[in-house]
Amino acid sequence: MEWHVSDAQSLRVIDSEIGDHGFSPAEYEIVRRVIYATADFDYATHIRFSDQALQSGAAALAARTTIVVDVPMVQVGITPAIQATFANPVYCSMDALTRPQKGKSQAAWGIETLALRYPEAIFVVGDSEVALATLVDLIENQKVRPALVVGTPSGFLDIVALKDRLQDTMIPHVRIDGRKGSAVVAAAIVNGLVDLAWQAYGQDPKSVS
């Protein structure tokens, strides 16, 4: 991301309001990105990082691992950063060719189709609760083993229990606890991780044509 003066001033406000925290430097960079994108400081207390989540995600990005997202808004939000750095392929569940099915949404069937095709992909589920439920089912049944899951859908019914199930899978992941979440949050997490990974692997984005 190319930062401007106003961005730096906004980040300074975020730093001032958060104050002391228990995040690692890399985790805090992600937290800042989410708050900057949403203007919602509650995310500082709701975001959760599993052990080795950012390390696993960064390594997968550097290996050009496929990225699977649930909705076009996430795809649009992360594609510029991906194209400017590691150039990972990005597929959206809504574009996956699936046979019409009852009982699941297009996003859920698309996630299942792409997950079985790319079982070790990076999965970014920012909007669809049923898509995340489908992915967690596949993980629990040992049909897929993602390099990283970013799970941030909002919801009022089963979303809290679903996010707890994601935690229990032991798969590297970043999630938003509770009812909050959105595609904007998911994109902010991924874009922050892309910048961190690009720095960690010693490459200069300005050198990419």
Protein backbone atom coordinates (compact mmCIF):
# COMPACT_ATOMS: atom_id res chain seq x y z
CA MET A 1 0.00 0.00 0.00
CA GLU A 2 1.25 3.48 -0.86
CA TRP A 3 0.87 5.66 2.21
CA HIS A 4 0.17 9.41 2.13
CA VAL A 5 0.47 12.08 4.82
CA SER A 6 -3.19 11.75 5.80
CA ASP A 7 -2.75 7.98 6.16
CA ALA A 8 0.20 8.47 8.49
CA GLN A 9 -1.77 10.97 10.55
CA SER A 10 -4.67 8.51 10.83
CA LEU A 11 -2.33 5.73 11.93
CA ARG A 12 -0.87 8.05 14.55
CA VAL A 13 -4.37 8.60 15.94
CA ILE A 14 -4.92 4.84 16.03
CA ASP A 15 -1.63 4.31 17.87
CA SER A 16 -2.53 7.00 20.39
CA GLU A 17 -5.99 5.62 21.11
CA ILE A 18 -4.89 1.99 21.39
CA GLY A 19 -1.89 2.72 23.58
CA ASP A 20 -0.27 -0.31 25.20
CA HIS A 21 -1.23 -3.68 23.78
CA GLY A 22 -0.16 -7.31 23.76
CA PHE A 23 0.17 -7.85 20.02
CA SER A 24 3.42 -8.73 18.30
CA PRO A 25 4.67 -6.06 15.86
CA ALA A 26 3.35 -8.04 12.88
CA GLU A 27 -0.02 -8.66 14.52
CA TYR A 28 -0.33 -5.01 15.46
CA GLU A 29 0.27 -3.97 11.87
CA ILE A 30 -2.73 -6.10 10.87
CA VAL A 31 -4.83 -4.65 13.70
CA ARG A 32 -3.98 -1.11 12.58
CA ARG A 33 -5.00 -1.93 9.01
CA VAL A 34 -8.36 -3.28 10.13
CA ILE A 35 -9.09 -0.27 12.33
CA TYR A 36 -7.95 2.10 9.59
CA ALA A 37 -10.29 0.42 7.09
CA THR A 38 -13.30 0.37 9.42
CA ALA A 39 -12.76 3.22 11.94
CA ASP A 40 -13.90 0.68 14.53
CA PHE A 41 -11.60 0.26 17.52
CA ASP A 42 -13.60 -2.72 18.78
CA TYR A 43 -11.62 -4.88 16.37
CA ALA A 44 -8.57 -4.46 18.58
CA THR A 45 -10.31 -6.67 21.14
CA HIS A 46 -12.02 -9.04 18.69
CA ILE A 47 -9.25 -10.02 16.29
CA ARG A 48 -7.55 -13.34 17.02
CA PHE A 49 -4.38 -14.84 15.56
CA SER A 50 -3.68 -18.55 15.85
CA ASP A 51 -0.13 -19.75 16.51
CA GLN A 52 2.07 -19.24 13.45
CA ALA A 53 -0.82 -17.77 11.46
CA LEU A 54 1.10 -14.84 10.00
CA GLN A 55 4.27 -16.86 9.46
CA SER A 56 2.33 -19.57 7.63
CA GLY A 57 0.43 -17.05 5.57
CA ALA A 58 3.56 -15.15 4.60
CA ALA A 59 5.33 -18.34 3.53
CA ALA A 60 2.31 -19.39 1.48
CA LEU A 61 2.17 -16.02 -0.23
CA ALA A 62 5.88 -16.22 -1.07
CA ALA A 63 5.33 -19.71 -2.50
CA ARG A 64 2.66 -18.27 -4.84
CA THR A 65 -0.01 -20.40 -3.19
CA THR A 66 -3.50 -20.07 -4.67
CA ILE A 67 -5.88 -17.75 -2.84
CA VAL A 68 -9.59 -18.61 -2.66
CA VAL A 69 -12.09 -15.93 -1.59
CA ASP A 70 -15.82 -16.09 -0.97
CA VAL A 71 -17.12 -12.89 -2.59
CA PRO A 72 -16.05 -10.45 -5.33
CA MET A 73 -15.63 -7.62 -2.81
CA VAL A 74 -12.75 -9.47 -1.17
CA GLN A 75 -11.24 -10.34 -4.55
CA VAL A 76 -11.38 -6.72 -5.71
CA GLY A 77 -9.98 -5.52 -2.39
CA ILE A 78 -6.86 -7.71 -2.41
CA THR A 79 -6.04 -8.16 -6.10
CA PRO A 80 -4.06 -4.89 -6.60
CA ALA A 81 -1.71 -5.71 -3.70
CA ILE A 82 -1.31 -9.32 -4.87
CA GLN A 83 -0.61 -8.28 -8.47
CA ALA A 84 1.99 -5.76 -7.33
CA THR A 85 3.87 -8.33 -5.25
CA PHE A 86 3.68 -12.13 -5.33
CA ALA A 87 1.09 -12.46 -8.14
CA ASN A 88 -0.70 -15.40 -6.54
CA PRO A 89 -3.71 -16.67 -8.48
CA VAL A 90 -6.94 -15.48 -6.84
CA TYR A 91 -10.21 -17.35 -7.37
CA CYS A 92 -13.67 -16.34 -6.16
CA SER A 93 -16.26 -18.90 -5.09
CA MET A 94 -18.99 -16.96 -6.89
CA ASP A 95 -17.21 -17.56 -10.20
CA ALA A 96 -16.71 -21.31 -9.70
CA LEU A 97 -18.72 -23.49 -12.06
CA THR A 98 -20.97 -25.68 -9.95
CA ARG A 99 -24.08 -27.69 -10.63
CA PRO A 100 -27.25 -26.16 -9.13
CA GLN A 101 -27.73 -27.61 -5.67
CA LYS A 102 -30.32 -27.26 -2.94
CA GLY A 103 -29.51 -26.38 0.62
CA LYS A 104 -26.37 -24.33 0.04
CA SER A 105 -25.65 -20.91 -1.40
CA GLN A 106 -23.57 -20.32 -4.50
CA ALA A 107 -20.73 -19.08 -2.30
CA ALA A 108 -20.81 -22.27 -0.23
CA TRP A 109 -20.83 -24.59 -3.24
CA GLY A 110 -18.15 -22.50 -4.90
CA ILE A 111 -15.93 -22.68 -1.81
CA GLU A 112 -16.38 -26.45 -1.68
CA THR A 113 -15.55 -26.84 -5.38
CA LEU A 114 -12.43 -24.68 -5.15
CA ALA A 115 -11.35 -26.16 -1.81
CA LEU A 116 -11.34 -29.67 -3.21
CA ARG A 117 -9.38 -28.39 -6.20
CA TYR A 118 -6.91 -26.39 -4.10
CA PRO A 119 -6.91 -28.10 -0.67
CA GLU A 120 -3.81 -26.29 0.59
CA ALA A 121 -4.80 -22.83 -0.56
CA ILE A 122 -5.11 -19.60 1.41
CA PHE A 123 -8.84 -19.17 2.09
CA VAL A 124 -10.31 -15.72 2.73
CA VAL A 125 -13.95 -15.81 3.84
CA GLY A 126 -15.07 -12.29 4.61
CA ASP A 127 -18.80 -12.24 4.03
CA SER A 128 -20.50 -15.62 3.76
CA GLU A 129 -21.22 -17.49 6.99
CA VAL A 130 -22.32 -20.59 5.07
CA ALA A 131 -19.12 -20.55 3.00
CA LEU A 132 -17.06 -20.52 6.20
CA ALA A 133 -19.19 -23.34 7.63
CA THR A 134 -18.59 -25.37 4.46
CA LEU A 135 -14.84 -24.80 4.69
CA VAL A 136 -14.73 -25.73 8.39
CA ASP A 137 -16.69 -28.92 7.63
CA LEU A 138 -14.11 -29.87 4.98
CA ILE A 139 -11.25 -29.18 7.40
CA GLU A 140 -12.86 -31.21 10.19
CA ASN A 141 -13.39 -34.10 7.77
CA GLN A 142 -9.71 -33.84 6.74
CA LYS A 143 -10.56 -33.24 3.10
CA VAL A 144 -8.55 -30.01 2.95
CA ARG A 145 -5.67 -28.50 4.92
CA PRO A 146 -5.39 -24.79 4.16
CA ALA A 147 -2.14 -22.89 4.52
CA LEU A 148 -4.16 -20.09 6.16
CA VAL A 149 -7.79 -19.21 6.77
CA VAL A 150 -8.96 -15.63 7.21
CA GLY A 151 -12.49 -15.86 8.62
CA THR A 152 -14.36 -12.61 9.25
CA PRO A 153 -18.07 -12.96 8.35
CA SER A 154 -20.59 -11.16 10.52
CA GLY A 155 -23.75 -12.85 11.74
CA PHE A 156 -26.39 -13.26 14.44
CA LEU A 157 -27.20 -16.98 14.51
CA ASP A 158 -24.40 -19.56 14.54
CA ILE A 159 -21.42 -17.36 13.72
CA VAL A 160 -19.88 -17.39 17.22
CA ALA A 161 -19.97 -21.19 17.45
CA LEU A 162 -18.67 -21.42 13.89
CA LYS A 163 -15.67 -19.25 14.68
CA ASP A 164 -15.01 -21.38 17.76
CA ARG A 165 -14.97 -24.43 15.48
CA LEU A 166 -12.43 -22.69 13.25
CA GLN A 167 -10.26 -22.12 16.33
CA ASP A 168 -10.51 -25.80 17.25
CA THR A 169 -9.29 -26.99 13.84
CA MET A 170 -5.69 -25.98 14.70
CA ILE A 171 -5.34 -24.65 11.14
CA PRO A 172 -3.37 -21.37 10.95
CA HIS A 173 -6.00 -18.65 10.88
CA VAL A 174 -6.98 -15.08 11.62
CA ARG A 175 -10.56 -14.61 12.79
CA ILE A 176 -12.85 -12.00 14.28
CA ASP A 177 -14.49 -13.26 17.45
CA GLY A 178 -18.14 -12.46 18.07
CA ARG A 179 -20.76 -11.19 15.67
CA LYS A 180 -18.73 -8.50 13.93
CA GLY A 181 -16.88 -8.81 10.66
CA SER A 182 -17.05 -7.99 6.95
CA ALA A 183 -15.39 -8.37 3.58
CA VAL A 184 -13.66 -5.04 4.22
CA VAL A 185 -12.04 -6.50 7.34
CA ALA A 186 -10.90 -9.59 5.43
CA ALA A 187 -9.32 -7.50 2.68
CA ALA A 188 -7.53 -5.30 5.22
CA ILE A 189 -6.07 -8.37 6.94
CA VAL A 190 -4.82 -9.85 3.68
CA ASN A 191 -3.38 -6.59 2.38
CA GLY A 192 -1.52 -6.06 5.64
CA LEU A 193 -0.17 -9.60 5.48
CA VAL A 194 0.93 -9.11 1.86
CA ASP A 195 2.93 -6.02 2.82
CA LEU A 196 4.51 -7.81 5.78
CA ALA A 197 5.39 -10.85 3.68
CA TRP A 198 6.86 -8.70 0.90
CA GLN A 199 9.10 -6.97 3.42
CA ALA A 200 10.06 -10.24 5.12
CA TYR A 201 11.16 -11.85 1.89
CA GLY A 202 13.38 -8.89 1.07
CA GLN A 203 11.76 -7.64 -2.07
CA ASP A 204 11.03 -4.08 -3.15
CA PRO A 205 7.54 -3.58 -4.59
CA LYS A 206 8.85 -0.61 -6.63
CA SER A 207 11.00 -3.01 -8.65
CA VAL A 208 7.94 -4.93 -9.88
CA SER A 209 6.76 -3.88 -13.30
